[in-house]
Amino acid sequence: MCLLQVAKECQRECRRSAILSQKTMKDAVARARRLSKEMQAYWKRFDKVEKEHRKKAEKEAMEQRKMDIEFREVCYYSV
């Protein structure tokens, strides 16, 4: 009787470790997918912000160039 109980307990323990192993692998795949989606969202947002900053800097540089040209014209004609 005692050996039968030990054998059943061993089988149960083996099954439990196999199930935990499968669950861990399944969770790892889901975690990897989620991480991939989060990274894509982050870089998409980063690219959008970077594009806005670049556009703003180009606009400010263009306005500065216009101001410089106007200033030169005013100085040239006032002399």
PDB file of N, CA and C in Angstrom:
ATOM      1  N   MET A   1       0.821  -1.207   0.000  1.00  0.00           N
ATOM      2  CA  MET A   1       0.000   0.000   0.000  1.00  0.00           C
ATOM      3  C   MET A   1       0.859   1.262   0.000  1.00  0.00           C
ATOM      4  N   CYS A   2       1.849   1.269   0.832  1.00  0.00           N
ATOM      5  CA  CYS A   2       2.664   2.456   0.988  1.00  0.00           C
ATOM      6  C   CYS A   2       3.408   2.782  -0.306  1.00  0.00           C
ATOM      7  N   LEU A   3       3.914   1.753  -1.000  1.00  0.00           N
ATOM      8  CA  LEU A   3       4.625   1.983  -2.257  1.00  0.00           C
ATOM      9  C   LEU A   3       3.699   2.553  -3.324  1.00  0.00           C
ATOM     10  N   LEU A   4       2.450   2.112  -3.318  1.00  0.00           N
ATOM     11  CA  LEU A   4       1.465   2.613  -4.274  1.00  0.00           C
ATOM     12  C   LEU A   4       1.218   4.101  -4.052  1.00  0.00           C
ATOM     13  N   GLN A   5       1.100   4.502  -2.820  1.00  0.00           N
ATOM     14  CA  GLN A   5       0.898   5.920  -2.500  1.00  0.00           C
ATOM     15  C   GLN A   5       2.117   6.751  -2.900  1.00  0.00           C
ATOM     16  N   VAL A   6       3.306   6.223  -2.672  1.00  0.00           N
ATOM     17  CA  VAL A   6       4.529   6.925  -3.037  1.00  0.00           C
ATOM     18  C   VAL A   6       4.589   7.080  -4.560  1.00  0.00           C
ATOM     19  N   ALA A   7       4.221   6.033  -5.300  1.00  0.00           N
ATOM     20  CA  ALA A   7       4.236   6.084  -6.763  1.00  0.00           C
ATOM     21  C   ALA A   7       3.239   7.121  -7.281  1.00  0.00           C
ATOM     22  N   LYS A   8       2.055   7.138  -6.701  1.00  0.00           N
ATOM     23  CA  LYS A   8       1.040   8.123  -7.120  1.00  0.00           C
ATOM     24  C   LYS A   8       1.507   9.543  -6.824  1.00  0.00           C
ATOM     25  N   GLU A   9       2.122   9.730  -5.669  1.00  0.00           N
ATOM     26  CA  GLU A   9       2.617  11.062  -5.294  1.00  0.00           C
ATOM     27  C   GLU A   9       3.739  11.499  -6.243  1.00  0.00           C
ATOM     28  N   CYS A  10       4.592  10.555  -6.637  1.00  0.00           N
ATOM     29  CA  CYS A  10       5.655  10.870  -7.599  1.00  0.00           C
ATOM     30  C   CYS A  10       5.066  11.287  -8.942  1.00  0.00           C
ATOM     31  N   GLN A  11       4.072  10.563  -9.413  1.00  0.00           N
ATOM     32  CA  GLN A  11       3.414  10.907 -10.677  1.00  0.00           C
ATOM     33  C   GLN A  11       2.784  12.301 -10.594  1.00  0.00           C
ATOM     34  N   ARG A  12       2.116  12.556  -9.497  1.00  0.00           N
ATOM     35  CA  ARG A  12       1.468  13.852  -9.303  1.00  0.00           C
ATOM     36  C   ARG A  12       2.504  14.979  -9.329  1.00  0.00           C
ATOM     37  N   GLU A  13       3.627  14.752  -8.654  1.00  0.00           N
ATOM     38  CA  GLU A  13       4.691  15.766  -8.614  1.00  0.00           C
ATOM     39  C   GLU A  13       5.284  15.987 -10.009  1.00  0.00           C
ATOM     40  N   CYS A  14       5.498  14.919 -10.751  1.00  0.00           N
ATOM     41  CA  CYS A  14       6.033  15.038 -12.125  1.00  0.00           C
ATOM     42  C   CYS A  14       5.064  15.810 -13.013  1.00  0.00           C
ATOM     43  N   ARG A  15       3.783  15.499 -12.903  1.00  0.00           N
ATOM     44  CA  ARG A  15       2.776  16.216 -13.697  1.00  0.00           C
ATOM     45  C   ARG A  15       2.743  17.696 -13.338  1.00  0.00           C
ATOM     46  N   ARG A  16       2.835  17.990 -12.045  1.00  0.00           N
ATOM     47  CA  ARG A  16       2.794  19.376 -11.600  1.00  0.00           C
ATOM     48  C   ARG A  16       3.982  20.166 -12.171  1.00  0.00           C
ATOM     49  N   SER A  17       5.161  19.588 -12.132  1.00  0.00           N
ATOM     50  CA  SER A  17       6.328  20.292 -12.673  1.00  0.00           C
ATOM     51  C   SER A  17       6.205  20.457 -14.187  1.00  0.00           C
ATOM     52  N   ALA A  18       5.648  19.463 -14.889  1.00  0.00           N
ATOM     53  CA  ALA A  18       5.458  19.567 -16.336  1.00  0.00           C
ATOM     54  C   ALA A  18       4.453  20.670 -16.662  1.00  0.00           C
ATOM     55  N   ILE A  19       3.387  20.734 -15.908  1.00  0.00           N
ATOM     56  CA  ILE A  19       2.369  21.766 -16.132  1.00  0.00           C
ATOM     57  C   ILE A  19       2.939  23.154 -15.862  1.00  0.00           C
ATOM     58  N   LEU A  20       3.706  23.286 -14.779  1.00  0.00           N
ATOM     59  CA  LEU A  20       4.327  24.576 -14.469  1.00  0.00           C
ATOM     60  C   LEU A  20       5.302  24.994 -15.572  1.00  0.00           C
ATOM     61  N   SER A  21       6.038  24.019 -16.097  1.00  0.00           N
ATOM     62  CA  SER A  21       6.987  24.313 -17.167  1.00  0.00           C
ATOM     63  C   SER A  21       6.249  24.812 -18.412  1.00  0.00           C
ATOM     64  N   GLN A  22       5.157  24.143 -18.768  1.00  0.00           N
ATOM     65  CA  GLN A  22       4.363  24.563 -19.933  1.00  0.00           C
ATOM     66  C   GLN A  22       3.764  25.944 -19.712  1.00  0.00           C
ATOM     67  N   LYS A  23       3.279  26.198 -18.510  1.00  0.00           N
ATOM     68  CA  LYS A  23       2.685  27.490 -18.198  1.00  0.00           C
ATOM     69  C   LYS A  23       3.727  28.598 -18.293  1.00  0.00           C
ATOM     70  N   THR A  24       4.934  28.329 -17.805  1.00  0.00           N
ATOM     71  CA  THR A  24       6.011  29.314 -17.867  1.00  0.00           C
ATOM     72  C   THR A  24       6.341  29.655 -19.316  1.00  0.00           C
ATOM     73  N   MET A  25       6.428  28.651 -20.163  1.00  0.00           N
ATOM     74  CA  MET A  25       6.732  28.877 -21.582  1.00  0.00           C
ATOM     75  C   MET A  25       5.607  29.678 -22.250  1.00  0.00           C
ATOM     76  N   LYS A  26       4.376  29.330 -21.918  1.00  0.00           N
ATOM     77  CA  LYS A  26       3.231  30.047 -22.487  1.00  0.00           C
ATOM     78  C   LYS A  26       3.244  31.506 -22.035  1.00  0.00           C
ATOM     79  N   ASP A  27       3.542  31.735 -20.764  1.00  0.00           N
ATOM     80  CA  ASP A  27       3.623  33.100 -20.241  1.00  0.00           C
ATOM     81  C   ASP A  27       4.762  33.872 -20.886  1.00  0.00           C
ATOM     82  N   ALA A  28       5.866  33.188 -21.156  1.00  0.00           N
ATOM     83  CA  ALA A  28       7.010  33.861 -21.777  1.00  0.00           C
ATOM     84  C   ALA A  28       6.652  34.369 -23.168  1.00  0.00           C
ATOM     85  N   VAL A  29       5.910  33.583 -23.932  1.00  0.00           N
ATOM     86  CA  VAL A  29       5.495  34.002 -25.267  1.00  0.00           C
ATOM     87  C   VAL A  29       4.576  35.218 -25.170  1.00  0.00           C
ATOM     88  N   ALA A  30       3.622  35.167 -24.269  1.00  0.00           N
ATOM     89  CA  ALA A  30       2.692  36.298 -24.101  1.00  0.00           C
ATOM     90  C   ALA A  30       3.446  37.543 -23.649  1.00  0.00           C
ATOM     91  N   ARG A  31       4.395  37.366 -22.748  1.00  0.00           N
ATOM     92  CA  ARG A  31       5.185  38.496 -22.252  1.00  0.00           C
ATOM     93  C   ARG A  31       6.023  39.102 -23.379  1.00  0.00           C
ATOM     94  N   ALA A  32       6.578  38.266 -24.215  1.00  0.00           N
ATOM     95  CA  ALA A  32       7.382  38.749 -25.341  1.00  0.00           C
ATOM     96  C   ALA A  32       6.518  39.537 -26.328  1.00  0.00           C
ATOM     97  N   ARG A  33       5.335  39.039 -26.600  1.00  0.00           N
ATOM     98  CA  ARG A  33       4.421  39.765 -27.504  1.00  0.00           C
ATOM     99  C   ARG A  33       4.055  41.133 -26.927  1.00  0.00           C
ATOM    100  N   ARG A  34       3.716  41.146 -25.648  1.00  0.00           N
ATOM    101  CA  ARG A  34       3.336  42.397 -25.006  1.00  0.00           C
ATOM    102  C   ARG A  34       4.501  43.382 -25.023  1.00  0.00           C
ATOM    103  N   LEU A  35       5.677  42.902 -24.727  1.00  0.00           N
ATOM    104  CA  LEU A  35       6.860  43.749 -24.741  1.00  0.00           C
ATOM    105  C   LEU A  35       7.117  44.313 -26.136  1.00  0.00           C
ATOM    106  N   SER A  36       6.931  43.477 -27.141  1.00  0.00           N
ATOM    107  CA  SER A  36       7.125  43.917 -28.524  1.00  0.00           C
ATOM    108  C   SER A  36       6.139  45.034 -28.876  1.00  0.00           C
ATOM    109  N   LYS A  37       4.886  44.861 -28.499  1.00  0.00           N
ATOM    110  CA  LYS A  37       3.877  45.892 -28.776  1.00  0.00           C
ATOM    111  C   LYS A  37       4.190  47.187 -28.035  1.00  0.00           C
ATOM    112  N   GLU A  38       4.619  47.062 -26.778  1.00  0.00           N
ATOM    113  CA  GLU A  38       4.954  48.255 -26.003  1.00  0.00           C
ATOM    114  C   GLU A  38       6.137  48.996 -26.620  1.00  0.00           C
ATOM    115  N   MET A  39       7.129  48.268 -27.091  1.00  0.00           N
ATOM    116  CA  MET A  39       8.292  48.902 -27.723  1.00  0.00           C
ATOM    117  C   MET A  39       7.894  49.602 -29.020  1.00  0.00           C
ATOM    118  N   GLN A  40       7.039  48.965 -29.807  1.00  0.00           N
ATOM    119  CA  GLN A  40       6.579  49.600 -31.044  1.00  0.00           C
ATOM    120  C   GLN A  40       5.825  50.888 -30.743  1.00  0.00           C
ATOM    121  N   ALA A  41       4.962  50.844 -29.737  1.00  0.00           N
ATOM    122  CA  ALA A  41       4.205  52.041 -29.362  1.00  0.00           C
ATOM    123  C   ALA A  41       5.148  53.140 -28.872  1.00  0.00           C
ATOM    124  N   TYR A  42       6.152  52.771 -28.070  1.00  0.00           N
ATOM    125  CA  TYR A  42       7.107  53.753 -27.558  1.00  0.00           C
ATOM    126  C   TYR A  42       7.855  54.433 -28.699  1.00  0.00           C
ATOM    127  N   TRP A  43       8.386  53.649 -29.626  1.00  0.00           N
ATOM    128  CA  TRP A  43       9.177  54.235 -30.710  1.00  0.00           C
ATOM    129  C   TRP A  43       8.316  55.040 -31.666  1.00  0.00           C
ATOM    130  N   LYS A  44       7.060  54.630 -31.849  1.00  0.00           N
ATOM    131  CA  LYS A  44       6.153  55.407 -32.689  1.00  0.00           C
ATOM    132  C   LYS A  44       5.922  56.778 -32.060  1.00  0.00           C
ATOM    133  N   ARG A  45       5.682  56.797 -30.756  1.00  0.00           N
ATOM    134  CA  ARG A  45       5.478  58.045 -30.032  1.00  0.00           C
ATOM    135  C   ARG A  45       6.761  58.883 -30.056  1.00  0.00           C
ATOM    136  N   PHE A  46       7.906  58.239 -29.859  1.00  0.00           N
ATOM    137  CA  PHE A  46       9.197  58.927 -29.874  1.00  0.00           C
ATOM    138  C   PHE A  46       9.443  59.585 -31.231  1.00  0.00           C
ATOM    139  N   ASP A  47       9.184  58.840 -32.304  1.00  0.00           N
ATOM    140  CA  ASP A  47       9.381  59.393 -33.652  1.00  0.00           C
ATOM    141  C   ASP A  47       8.463  60.588 -33.903  1.00  0.00           C
ATOM    142  N   LYS A  48       7.241  60.507 -33.406  1.00  0.00           N
ATOM    143  CA  LYS A  48       6.288  61.603 -33.585  1.00  0.00           C
ATOM    144  C   LYS A  48       6.775  62.862 -32.864  1.00  0.00           C
ATOM    145  N   VAL A  49       7.208  62.700 -31.624  1.00  0.00           N
ATOM    146  CA  VAL A  49       7.701  63.845 -30.838  1.00  0.00           C
ATOM    147  C   VAL A  49       8.957  64.424 -31.482  1.00  0.00           C
ATOM    148  N   GLU A  50       9.850  63.545 -31.922  1.00  0.00           N
ATOM    149  CA  GLU A  50      11.087  64.000 -32.563  1.00  0.00           C
ATOM    150  C   GLU A  50      10.777  64.788 -33.843  1.00  0.00           C
ATOM    151  N   LYS A  51       9.820  64.314 -34.604  1.00  0.00           N
ATOM    152  CA  LYS A  51       9.425  64.999 -35.840  1.00  0.00           C
ATOM    153  C   LYS A  51       8.871  66.390 -35.522  1.00  0.00           C
ATOM    154  N   GLU A  52       8.050  66.477 -34.476  1.00  0.00           N
ATOM    155  CA  GLU A  52       7.490  67.773 -34.078  1.00  0.00           C
ATOM    156  C   GLU A  52       8.597  68.737 -33.663  1.00  0.00           C
ATOM    157  N   HIS A  53       9.559  68.254 -32.892  1.00  0.00           N
ATOM    158  CA  HIS A  53      10.664  69.108 -32.439  1.00  0.00           C
ATOM    159  C   HIS A  53      11.500  69.583 -33.631  1.00  0.00           C
ATOM    160  N   ARG A  54      11.773  68.673 -34.549  1.00  0.00           N
ATOM    161  CA  ARG A  54      12.564  69.039 -35.721  1.00  0.00           C
ATOM    162  C   ARG A  54      11.832  70.092 -36.562  1.00  0.00           C
ATOM    163  N   LYS A  55      10.526  69.901 -36.725  1.00  0.00           N
ATOM    164  CA  LYS A  55       9.718  70.843 -37.495  1.00  0.00           C
ATOM    165  C   LYS A  55       9.719  72.214 -36.830  1.00  0.00           C
ATOM    166  N   LYS A  56       9.590  72.230 -35.501  1.00  0.00           N
ATOM    167  CA  LYS A  56       9.587  73.481 -34.755  1.00  0.00           C
ATOM    168  C   LYS A  56      10.932  74.192 -34.893  1.00  0.00           C
ATOM    169  N   ALA A  57      12.019  73.437 -34.795  1.00  0.00           N
ATOM    170  CA  ALA A  57      13.360  74.026 -34.916  1.00  0.00           C
ATOM    171  C   ALA A  57      13.576  74.597 -36.324  1.00  0.00           C
ATOM    172  N   GLU A  58      13.123  73.870 -37.346  1.00  0.00           N
ATOM    173  CA  GLU A  58      13.260  74.365 -38.716  1.00  0.00           C
ATOM    174  C   GLU A  58      12.446  75.644 -38.916  1.00  0.00           C
ATOM    175  N   LYS A  59      11.264  75.687 -38.336  1.00  0.00           N
ATOM    176  CA  LYS A  59      10.417  76.875 -38.453  1.00  0.00           C
ATOM    177  C   LYS A  59      11.082  78.073 -37.778  1.00  0.00           C
ATOM    178  N   GLU A  60      11.636  77.865 -36.587  1.00  0.00           N
ATOM    179  CA  GLU A  60      12.317  78.949 -35.879  1.00  0.00           C
ATOM    180  C   GLU A  60      13.547  79.420 -36.650  1.00  0.00           C
ATOM    181  N   ALA A  61      14.278  78.482 -37.246  1.00  0.00           N
ATOM    182  CA  ALA A  61      15.463  78.849 -38.028  1.00  0.00           C
ATOM    183  C   ALA A  61      15.060  79.663 -39.253  1.00  0.00           C
ATOM    184  N   MET A  62      13.966  79.285 -39.896  1.00  0.00           N
ATOM    185  CA  MET A  62      13.493  80.022 -41.071  1.00  0.00           C
ATOM    186  C   MET A  62      13.075  81.441 -40.679  1.00  0.00           C
ATOM    187  N   GLU A  63      12.365  81.553 -39.558  1.00  0.00           N
ATOM    188  CA  GLU A  63      11.956  82.881 -39.089  1.00  0.00           C
ATOM    189  C   GLU A  63      13.177  83.737 -38.756  1.00  0.00           C
ATOM    190  N   GLN A  64      14.183  83.121 -38.162  1.00  0.00           N
ATOM    191  CA  GLN A  64      15.405  83.857 -37.830  1.00  0.00           C
ATOM    192  C   GLN A  64      16.102  84.341 -39.102  1.00  0.00           C
ATOM    193  N   ARG A  65      16.147  83.483 -40.127  1.00  0.00           N
ATOM    194  CA  ARG A  65      16.759  83.887 -41.395  1.00  0.00           C
ATOM    195  C   ARG A  65      16.013  85.071 -42.012  1.00  0.00           C
ATOM    196  N   LYS A  66      14.687  85.033 -41.958  1.00  0.00           N
ATOM    197  CA  LYS A  66      13.889  86.143 -42.495  1.00  0.00           C
ATOM    198  C   LYS A  66      14.190  87.435 -41.743  1.00  0.00           C
ATOM    199  N   MET A  67      14.269  87.322 -40.408  1.00  0.00           N
ATOM    200  CA  MET A  67      14.561  88.507 -39.600  1.00  0.00           C
ATOM    201  C   MET A  67      15.946  89.057 -39.958  1.00  0.00           C
ATOM    202  N   ASP A  68      16.930  88.176 -40.146  1.00  0.00           N
ATOM    203  CA  ASP A  68      18.281  88.611 -40.502  1.00  0.00           C
ATOM    204  C   ASP A  68      18.288  89.325 -41.858  1.00  0.00           C
ATOM    205  N   ILE A  69      17.560  88.758 -42.814  1.00  0.00           N
ATOM    206  CA  ILE A  69      17.499  89.379 -44.147  1.00  0.00           C
ATOM    207  C   ILE A  69      16.858  90.755 -44.056  1.00  0.00           C
ATOM    208  N   GLU A  70      15.749  90.853 -43.334  1.00  0.00           N
ATOM    209  CA  GLU A  70      15.074  92.141 -43.176  1.00  0.00           C
ATOM    210  C   GLU A  70      15.989  93.146 -42.473  1.00  0.00           C
ATOM    211  N   PHE A  71      16.709  92.698 -41.466  1.00  0.00           N
ATOM    212  CA  PHE A  71      17.612  93.586 -40.736  1.00  0.00           C
ATOM    213  C   PHE A  71      18.721  94.102 -41.660  1.00  0.00           C
ATOM    214  N   ARG A  72      19.270  93.221 -42.477  1.00  0.00           N
ATOM    215  CA  ARG A  72      20.309  93.643 -43.422  1.00  0.00           C
ATOM    216  C   ARG A  72      19.777  94.662 -44.420  1.00  0.00           C
ATOM    217  N   GLU A  73      18.550  94.413 -44.898  1.00  0.00           N
ATOM    218  CA  GLU A  73      17.945  95.348 -45.857  1.00  0.00           C
ATOM    219  C   GLU A  73      17.738  96.706 -45.225  1.00  0.00           C
ATOM    220  N   VAL A  74      17.270  96.729 -43.989  1.00  0.00           N
ATOM    221  CA  VAL A  74      17.023  97.996 -43.283  1.00  0.00           C
ATOM    222  C   VAL A  74      18.346  98.717 -43.076  1.00  0.00           C
ATOM    223  N   CYS A  75      19.361  97.997 -42.663  1.00  0.00           N
ATOM    224  CA  CYS A  75      20.673  98.614 -42.446  1.00  0.00           C
ATOM    225  C   CYS A  75      21.259  99.124 -43.757  1.00  0.00           C
ATOM    226  N   TYR A  76      21.099  98.399 -44.836  1.00  0.00           N
ATOM    227  CA  TYR A  76      21.655  98.768 -46.130  1.00  0.00           C
ATOM    228  C   TYR A  76      20.984 100.049 -46.661  1.00  0.00           C
ATOM    229  N   TYR A  77      19.655 100.097 -46.543  1.00  0.00           N
ATOM    230  CA  TYR A  77      18.937 101.245 -47.094  1.00  0.00           C
ATOM    231  C   TYR A  77      18.998 102.468 -46.194  1.00  0.00           C
ATOM    232  N   SER A  78      19.274 102.286 -44.909  1.00  0.00           N
ATOM    233  CA  SER A  78      19.323 103.436 -44.010  1.00  0.00           C
ATOM    234  C   SER A  78      20.648 104.159 -44.078  1.00  0.00           C
ATOM    235  N   VAL A  79      21.637 103.551 -44.660  1.00  0.00           N
ATOM    236  CA  VAL A  79      22.961 104.173 -44.733  1.00  0.00           C
ATOM    237  C   VAL A  79      23.046 105.119 -45.862  1.00  0.00           C
TER     238      VAL A  79
END
